[in-house]
Amino acid sequence: MVKKVEVLGSGCPKCRQTIKAVEKAVQELGIDATIEKVEDINEIISRDVVATPAVAVDGKIVLSGKIPTLDEAKALLKGGAKMKEEKAKLDPKFAYWKGIPREEITWHPTIDENRCTGCGMCVTSCGRNVFDYNWERKKAVVARPLQCMVGCTSCQVWCVFDAISFPEPQYEKDLIKKKGILSIVRKQLEEMKKST
């Protein structure tokens, strides 16, 4: 069960809206979790938050750069409670990206349920089986977020109803710089050259 939820940001209007959504989600789900505000910029940076507002569930950043709807906040809290289960379900071939454990990277689609019409384009087109379909509600569901290809936004492009969003692209660029990904890529290129 979720023990602590943190909202990271400088106290801006977006951060206050995020806190309200999280508080309401905690209340409606009946979760006995503490909610903390983190406004210290040094702590926010040290937690690898690129864009605020951000939400952390039990220390793990699960959202950054957008205000969650109530339904999204509930999904984040449920997802935080099931993080170990999600890791166990992760297809091993998607467990790492450029040597980084996938659970350390906050990159996956988020669905705005108010905009989602249930057309199914994302569900039937994603090559990594990130989505499921809720037949009862006729909505797409992000079921396996860690299987999303880091940096891919194809489903967002396909969604003609603008119901899908991702973290800001700068998050990925900063991750590449911070983790020294380009040196890994150079080694991969050298291996490719040897095999041709």
C-alpha atoms as a PDB file:
ATOM      1  CA  MET A   1       0.000   0.000   0.000  1.00  0.00           C
ATOM      2  CA  VAL A   2       1.170   3.550  -0.751  1.00  0.00           C
ATOM      3  CA  LYS A   3       2.732   5.198   2.311  1.00  0.00           C
ATOM      4  CA  LYS A   4       3.893   8.598   1.085  1.00  0.00           C
ATOM      5  CA  VAL A   5       2.964  10.851  -1.834  1.00  0.00           C
ATOM      6  CA  GLU A   6       5.064  13.916  -2.620  1.00  0.00           C
ATOM      7  CA  VAL A   7       4.223  16.822  -4.902  1.00  0.00           C
ATOM      8  CA  LEU A   8       7.413  18.491  -6.099  1.00  0.00           C
ATOM      9  CA  GLY A   9       7.294  22.087  -7.288  1.00  0.00           C
ATOM     10  CA  SER A  10       7.735  25.692  -6.300  1.00  0.00           C
ATOM     11  CA  GLY A  11       4.207  26.360  -5.076  1.00  0.00           C
ATOM     12  CA  CYS A  12       3.030  27.641  -8.468  1.00  0.00           C
ATOM     13  CA  PRO A  13      -0.676  27.413  -9.431  1.00  0.00           C
ATOM     14  CA  LYS A  14      -0.017  24.160 -11.350  1.00  0.00           C
ATOM     15  CA  CYS A  15       1.597  22.663  -8.252  1.00  0.00           C
ATOM     16  CA  ARG A  16      -1.351  23.707  -6.079  1.00  0.00           C
ATOM     17  CA  GLN A  17      -3.773  22.101  -8.576  1.00  0.00           C
ATOM     18  CA  THR A  18      -1.668  18.939  -8.515  1.00  0.00           C
ATOM     19  CA  ILE A  19      -1.768  18.829  -4.703  1.00  0.00           C
ATOM     20  CA  LYS A  20      -5.574  19.169  -4.777  1.00  0.00           C
ATOM     21  CA  ALA A  21      -5.885  16.315  -7.300  1.00  0.00           C
ATOM     22  CA  VAL A  22      -3.574  14.090  -5.235  1.00  0.00           C
ATOM     23  CA  GLU A  23      -5.384  14.896  -1.965  1.00  0.00           C
ATOM     24  CA  LYS A  24      -8.761  14.116  -3.517  1.00  0.00           C
ATOM     25  CA  ALA A  25      -7.443  10.879  -5.069  1.00  0.00           C
ATOM     26  CA  VAL A  26      -5.998   9.738  -1.722  1.00  0.00           C
ATOM     27  CA  GLN A  27      -9.312  10.528  -0.033  1.00  0.00           C
ATOM     28  CA  GLU A  28     -11.482   8.805  -2.658  1.00  0.00           C
ATOM     29  CA  LEU A  29      -9.276   5.699  -2.747  1.00  0.00           C
ATOM     30  CA  GLY A  30      -9.245   5.543   1.044  1.00  0.00           C
ATOM     31  CA  ILE A  31      -5.446   5.336   1.157  1.00  0.00           C
ATOM     32  CA  ASP A  32      -3.800   6.100   4.496  1.00  0.00           C
ATOM     33  CA  ALA A  33      -0.821   7.938   2.980  1.00  0.00           C
ATOM     34  CA  THR A  34       0.950  11.125   3.978  1.00  0.00           C
ATOM     35  CA  ILE A  35       1.071  13.904   1.395  1.00  0.00           C
ATOM     36  CA  GLU A  36       4.111  16.155   1.416  1.00  0.00           C
ATOM     37  CA  LYS A  37       5.030  19.254  -0.579  1.00  0.00           C
ATOM     38  CA  VAL A  38       8.628  19.522  -1.747  1.00  0.00           C
ATOM     39  CA  GLU A  39       9.483  23.090  -2.718  1.00  0.00           C
ATOM     40  CA  ASP A  40      13.267  23.149  -2.197  1.00  0.00           C
ATOM     41  CA  ILE A  41      14.745  23.539  -5.702  1.00  0.00           C
ATOM     42  CA  ASN A  42      17.965  21.703  -4.766  1.00  0.00           C
ATOM     43  CA  GLU A  43      16.019  18.680  -3.572  1.00  0.00           C
ATOM     44  CA  ILE A  44      13.841  18.756  -6.700  1.00  0.00           C
ATOM     45  CA  ILE A  45      16.921  18.804  -8.938  1.00  0.00           C
ATOM     46  CA  SER A  46      18.608  16.054  -6.905  1.00  0.00           C
ATOM     47  CA  ARG A  47      15.541  13.870  -7.493  1.00  0.00           C
ATOM     48  CA  ASP A  48      16.061  14.146 -11.288  1.00  0.00           C
ATOM     49  CA  VAL A  49      12.869  16.151 -11.789  1.00  0.00           C
ATOM     50  CA  VAL A  50      13.164  18.038 -15.056  1.00  0.00           C
ATOM     51  CA  ALA A  51       9.698  19.574 -15.192  1.00  0.00           C
ATOM     52  CA  THR A  52       7.334  20.510 -12.379  1.00  0.00           C
ATOM     53  CA  PRO A  53       4.829  19.829 -11.033  1.00  0.00           C
ATOM     54  CA  ALA A  54       5.988  16.277 -10.343  1.00  0.00           C
ATOM     55  CA  VAL A  55       4.487  13.514  -8.244  1.00  0.00           C
ATOM     56  CA  ALA A  56       6.466  10.864  -6.354  1.00  0.00           C
ATOM     57  CA  VAL A  57       4.821   7.786  -4.870  1.00  0.00           C
ATOM     58  CA  ASP A  58       6.909   6.167  -2.118  1.00  0.00           C
ATOM     59  CA  GLY A  59       9.992   7.966  -3.427  1.00  0.00           C
ATOM     60  CA  LYS A  60       9.535   7.037  -7.111  1.00  0.00           C
ATOM     61  CA  ILE A  61       8.784   9.864  -9.576  1.00  0.00           C
ATOM     62  CA  VAL A  62       5.651   8.746 -11.451  1.00  0.00           C
ATOM     63  CA  LEU A  63       4.682  11.984 -13.229  1.00  0.00           C
ATOM     64  CA  SER A  64       6.389  15.220 -14.204  1.00  0.00           C
ATOM     65  CA  GLY A  65       5.501  18.303 -16.164  1.00  0.00           C
ATOM     66  CA  LYS A  66       1.713  18.126 -16.076  1.00  0.00           C
ATOM     67  CA  ILE A  67      -1.273  18.520 -13.775  1.00  0.00           C
ATOM     68  CA  PRO A  68      -2.979  15.146 -13.306  1.00  0.00           C
ATOM     69  CA  THR A  69      -6.736  14.856 -13.577  1.00  0.00           C
ATOM     70  CA  LEU A  70      -8.438  13.143 -10.640  1.00  0.00           C
ATOM     71  CA  ASP A  71      -8.569   9.874 -12.607  1.00  0.00           C
ATOM     72  CA  GLU A  72      -4.882  10.168 -13.523  1.00  0.00           C
ATOM     73  CA  ALA A  73      -3.963  10.852  -9.886  1.00  0.00           C
ATOM     74  CA  LYS A  74      -5.887   7.747  -8.837  1.00  0.00           C
ATOM     75  CA  ALA A  75      -4.124   5.690 -11.512  1.00  0.00           C
ATOM     76  CA  LEU A  76      -0.731   6.983 -10.340  1.00  0.00           C
ATOM     77  CA  LEU A  77      -1.503   6.012  -6.753  1.00  0.00           C
ATOM     78  CA  LYS A  78      -2.742   2.572  -7.773  1.00  0.00           C
ATOM     79  CA  GLY A  79       0.308   2.162  -9.993  1.00  0.00           C
ATOM     80  CA  GLY A  80       2.617   3.116  -7.132  1.00  0.00           C
ATOM     81  CA  ALA A  81       1.035   0.468  -4.951  1.00  0.00           C
ATOM     82  CA  LYS A  82       1.548  -2.109  -7.689  1.00  0.00           C
ATOM     83  CA  MET A  83       5.059  -1.096  -8.749  1.00  0.00           C
ATOM     84  CA  LYS A  84       6.673  -4.412  -7.722  1.00  0.00           C
ATOM     85  CA  GLU A  85       3.927  -6.324  -9.500  1.00  0.00           C
ATOM     86  CA  GLU A  86       4.422  -4.188 -12.644  1.00  0.00           C
ATOM     87  CA  LYS A  87       8.164  -4.856 -12.567  1.00  0.00           C
ATOM     88  CA  ALA A  88       7.475  -8.575 -12.398  1.00  0.00           C
ATOM     89  CA  LYS A  89       5.163  -8.334 -15.441  1.00  0.00           C
ATOM     90  CA  LEU A  90       7.717  -6.377 -17.481  1.00  0.00           C
ATOM     91  CA  ASP A  91       8.824  -8.274 -20.569  1.00  0.00           C
ATOM     92  CA  PRO A  92      12.567  -8.965 -19.963  1.00  0.00           C
ATOM     93  CA  LYS A  93      13.513  -7.680 -23.422  1.00  0.00           C
ATOM     94  CA  PHE A  94      12.253  -4.227 -22.376  1.00  0.00           C
ATOM     95  CA  ALA A  95      13.803  -4.251 -18.869  1.00  0.00           C
ATOM     96  CA  TYR A  96      16.733  -1.980 -19.827  1.00  0.00           C
ATOM     97  CA  TRP A  97      17.261   1.008 -22.080  1.00  0.00           C
ATOM     98  CA  LYS A  98      20.885   1.622 -23.044  1.00  0.00           C
ATOM     99  CA  GLY A  99      21.943  -0.246 -19.895  1.00  0.00           C
ATOM    100  CA  ILE A 100      19.642   1.706 -17.540  1.00  0.00           C
ATOM    101  CA  PRO A 101      16.975  -0.296 -15.639  1.00  0.00           C
ATOM    102  CA  ARG A 102      13.682   0.773 -17.179  1.00  0.00           C
ATOM    103  CA  GLU A 103      12.044   1.451 -13.807  1.00  0.00           C
ATOM    104  CA  GLU A 104      14.570   4.260 -13.266  1.00  0.00           C
ATOM    105  CA  ILE A 105      13.255   6.148 -16.305  1.00  0.00           C
ATOM    106  CA  THR A 106      10.019   8.126 -16.072  1.00  0.00           C
ATOM    107  CA  TRP A 107       8.852   7.827 -19.661  1.00  0.00           C
ATOM    108  CA  HIS A 108       5.419   6.543 -20.633  1.00  0.00           C
ATOM    109  CA  PRO A 109       2.135   7.812 -22.072  1.00  0.00           C
ATOM    110  CA  THR A 110      -0.600   9.320 -19.928  1.00  0.00           C
ATOM    111  CA  ILE A 111      -4.212   9.221 -21.127  1.00  0.00           C
ATOM    112  CA  ASP A 112      -6.616  12.103 -20.527  1.00  0.00           C
ATOM    113  CA  GLU A 113      -9.806  10.125 -19.925  1.00  0.00           C
ATOM    114  CA  ASN A 114     -11.951  13.151 -20.712  1.00  0.00           C
ATOM    115  CA  ARG A 115     -10.515  13.274 -24.251  1.00  0.00           C
ATOM    116  CA  CYS A 116     -10.170   9.541 -24.887  1.00  0.00           C
ATOM    117  CA  THR A 117     -13.009   8.348 -27.140  1.00  0.00           C
ATOM    118  CA  GLY A 118     -11.940   4.703 -27.005  1.00  0.00           C
ATOM    119  CA  CYS A 119     -11.110   4.583 -30.709  1.00  0.00           C
ATOM    120  CA  GLY A 120      -8.440   1.927 -30.024  1.00  0.00           C
ATOM    121  CA  MET A 121      -5.749   3.363 -32.298  1.00  0.00           C
ATOM    122  CA  CYS A 122      -3.091   3.322 -29.545  1.00  0.00           C
ATOM    123  CA  VAL A 123      -4.084  -0.148 -28.323  1.00  0.00           C
ATOM    124  CA  THR A 124      -3.862  -1.755 -31.759  1.00  0.00           C
ATOM    125  CA  SER A 125      -0.806   0.155 -33.008  1.00  0.00           C
ATOM    126  CA  CYS A 126       1.689   0.030 -30.126  1.00  0.00           C
ATOM    127  CA  GLY A 127       4.382  -2.511 -30.923  1.00  0.00           C
ATOM    128  CA  ARG A 128       5.373  -2.873 -27.267  1.00  0.00           C
ATOM    129  CA  ASN A 129       1.962  -3.821 -25.845  1.00  0.00           C
ATOM    130  CA  VAL A 130       1.864  -0.808 -23.520  1.00  0.00           C
ATOM    131  CA  PHE A 131      -1.930  -0.467 -23.670  1.00  0.00           C
ATOM    132  CA  ASP A 132      -4.944  -2.537 -22.708  1.00  0.00           C
ATOM    133  CA  TYR A 133      -8.575  -1.770 -23.513  1.00  0.00           C
ATOM    134  CA  ASN A 134     -11.281  -1.378 -20.884  1.00  0.00           C
ATOM    135  CA  TRP A 135     -14.295  -2.836 -22.701  1.00  0.00           C
ATOM    136  CA  GLU A 136     -16.715  -1.789 -19.996  1.00  0.00           C
ATOM    137  CA  ARG A 137     -15.698   1.883 -20.068  1.00  0.00           C
ATOM    138  CA  LYS A 138     -14.641   1.853 -23.744  1.00  0.00           C
ATOM    139  CA  LYS A 139     -11.303   3.517 -22.932  1.00  0.00           C
ATOM    140  CA  ALA A 140      -7.636   2.780 -23.581  1.00  0.00           C
ATOM    141  CA  VAL A 141      -5.557   2.051 -20.478  1.00  0.00           C
ATOM    142  CA  VAL A 142      -1.797   2.364 -19.961  1.00  0.00           C
ATOM    143  CA  ALA A 143      -1.287  -1.154 -18.583  1.00  0.00           C
ATOM    144  CA  ARG A 144       2.469  -1.706 -18.999  1.00  0.00           C
ATOM    145  CA  PRO A 145       4.114   1.762 -18.844  1.00  0.00           C
ATOM    146  CA  LEU A 146       7.652   0.399 -18.427  1.00  0.00           C
ATOM    147  CA  GLN A 147       7.428  -1.326 -21.803  1.00  0.00           C
ATOM    148  CA  CYS A 148       7.127   2.024 -23.577  1.00  0.00           C
ATOM    149  CA  MET A 149      10.148   2.736 -25.785  1.00  0.00           C
ATOM    150  CA  VAL A 150      12.042   5.585 -24.155  1.00  0.00           C
ATOM    151  CA  GLY A 151      11.616   8.691 -26.311  1.00  0.00           C
ATOM    152  CA  CYS A 152       8.824   7.225 -28.452  1.00  0.00           C
ATOM    153  CA  THR A 153       5.692   9.370 -28.833  1.00  0.00           C
ATOM    154  CA  SER A 154       4.038   7.528 -31.732  1.00  0.00           C
ATOM    155  CA  CYS A 155       0.757   6.932 -29.902  1.00  0.00           C
ATOM    156  CA  GLN A 156       0.536  10.652 -29.122  1.00  0.00           C
ATOM    157  CA  VAL A 157       0.985  11.417 -32.817  1.00  0.00           C
ATOM    158  CA  TRP A 158      -1.652   8.854 -33.832  1.00  0.00           C
ATOM    159  CA  CYS A 159      -4.232  10.134 -31.326  1.00  0.00           C
ATOM    160  CA  VAL A 160      -6.473  12.445 -33.340  1.00  0.00           C
ATOM    161  CA  PHE A 161      -8.286  13.429 -30.113  1.00  0.00           C
ATOM    162  CA  ASP A 162      -5.101  14.663 -28.340  1.00  0.00           C
ATOM    163  CA  ALA A 163      -5.816  12.376 -25.397  1.00  0.00           C
ATOM    164  CA  ILE A 164      -2.232  11.127 -24.955  1.00  0.00           C
ATOM    165  CA  SER A 165       0.669  13.064 -23.472  1.00  0.00           C
ATOM    166  CA  PHE A 166       4.283  12.387 -22.483  1.00  0.00           C
ATOM    167  CA  PRO A 167       6.887  14.081 -20.289  1.00  0.00           C
ATOM    168  CA  GLU A 168       8.632  17.047 -21.882  1.00  0.00           C
ATOM    169  CA  PRO A 169      11.276  15.975 -24.480  1.00  0.00           C
ATOM    170  CA  GLN A 170      13.896  17.852 -22.449  1.00  0.00           C
ATOM    171  CA  TYR A 171      13.568  15.131 -19.788  1.00  0.00           C
ATOM    172  CA  GLU A 172      14.960  12.595 -22.245  1.00  0.00           C
ATOM    173  CA  LYS A 173      17.721  14.901 -23.474  1.00  0.00           C
ATOM    174  CA  ASP A 174      18.834  15.593 -19.892  1.00  0.00           C
ATOM    175  CA  LEU A 175      18.764  11.857 -19.122  1.00  0.00           C
ATOM    176  CA  ILE A 176      21.018  11.148 -22.121  1.00  0.00           C
ATOM    177  CA  LYS A 177      23.524  13.760 -20.918  1.00  0.00           C
ATOM    178  CA  LYS A 178      23.403  12.806 -17.239  1.00  0.00           C
ATOM    179  CA  LYS A 179      23.742   9.038 -17.784  1.00  0.00           C
ATOM    180  CA  GLY A 180      26.449   9.293 -20.460  1.00  0.00           C
ATOM    181  CA  ILE A 181      24.277   7.518 -23.013  1.00  0.00           C
ATOM    182  CA  LEU A 182      26.210   8.858 -26.010  1.00  0.00           C
ATOM    183  CA  SER A 183      29.324   6.912 -24.999  1.00  0.00           C
ATOM    184  CA  ILE A 184      27.198   3.739 -24.915  1.00  0.00           C
ATOM    185  CA  VAL A 185      25.821   4.599 -28.353  1.00  0.00           C
ATOM    186  CA  ARG A 186      29.357   5.069 -29.731  1.00  0.00           C
ATOM    187  CA  LYS A 187      30.297   1.582 -28.480  1.00  0.00           C
ATOM    188  CA  GLN A 188      27.163   0.161 -30.092  1.00  0.00           C
ATOM    189  CA  LEU A 189      28.092   1.830 -33.376  1.00  0.00           C
ATOM    190  CA  GLU A 190      31.588   0.346 -33.195  1.00  0.00           C
ATOM    191  CA  GLU A 191      30.088  -3.113 -32.664  1.00  0.00           C
ATOM    192  CA  MET A 192      27.795  -2.576 -35.654  1.00  0.00           C
ATOM    193  CA  LYS A 193      30.792  -1.517 -37.773  1.00  0.00           C
ATOM    194  CA  LYS A 194      32.722  -4.675 -36.824  1.00  0.00           C
ATOM    195  CA  SER A 195      29.818  -6.920 -37.775  1.00  0.00           C
ATOM    196  CA  THR A 196      29.461  -5.442 -41.290  1.00  0.00           C
END
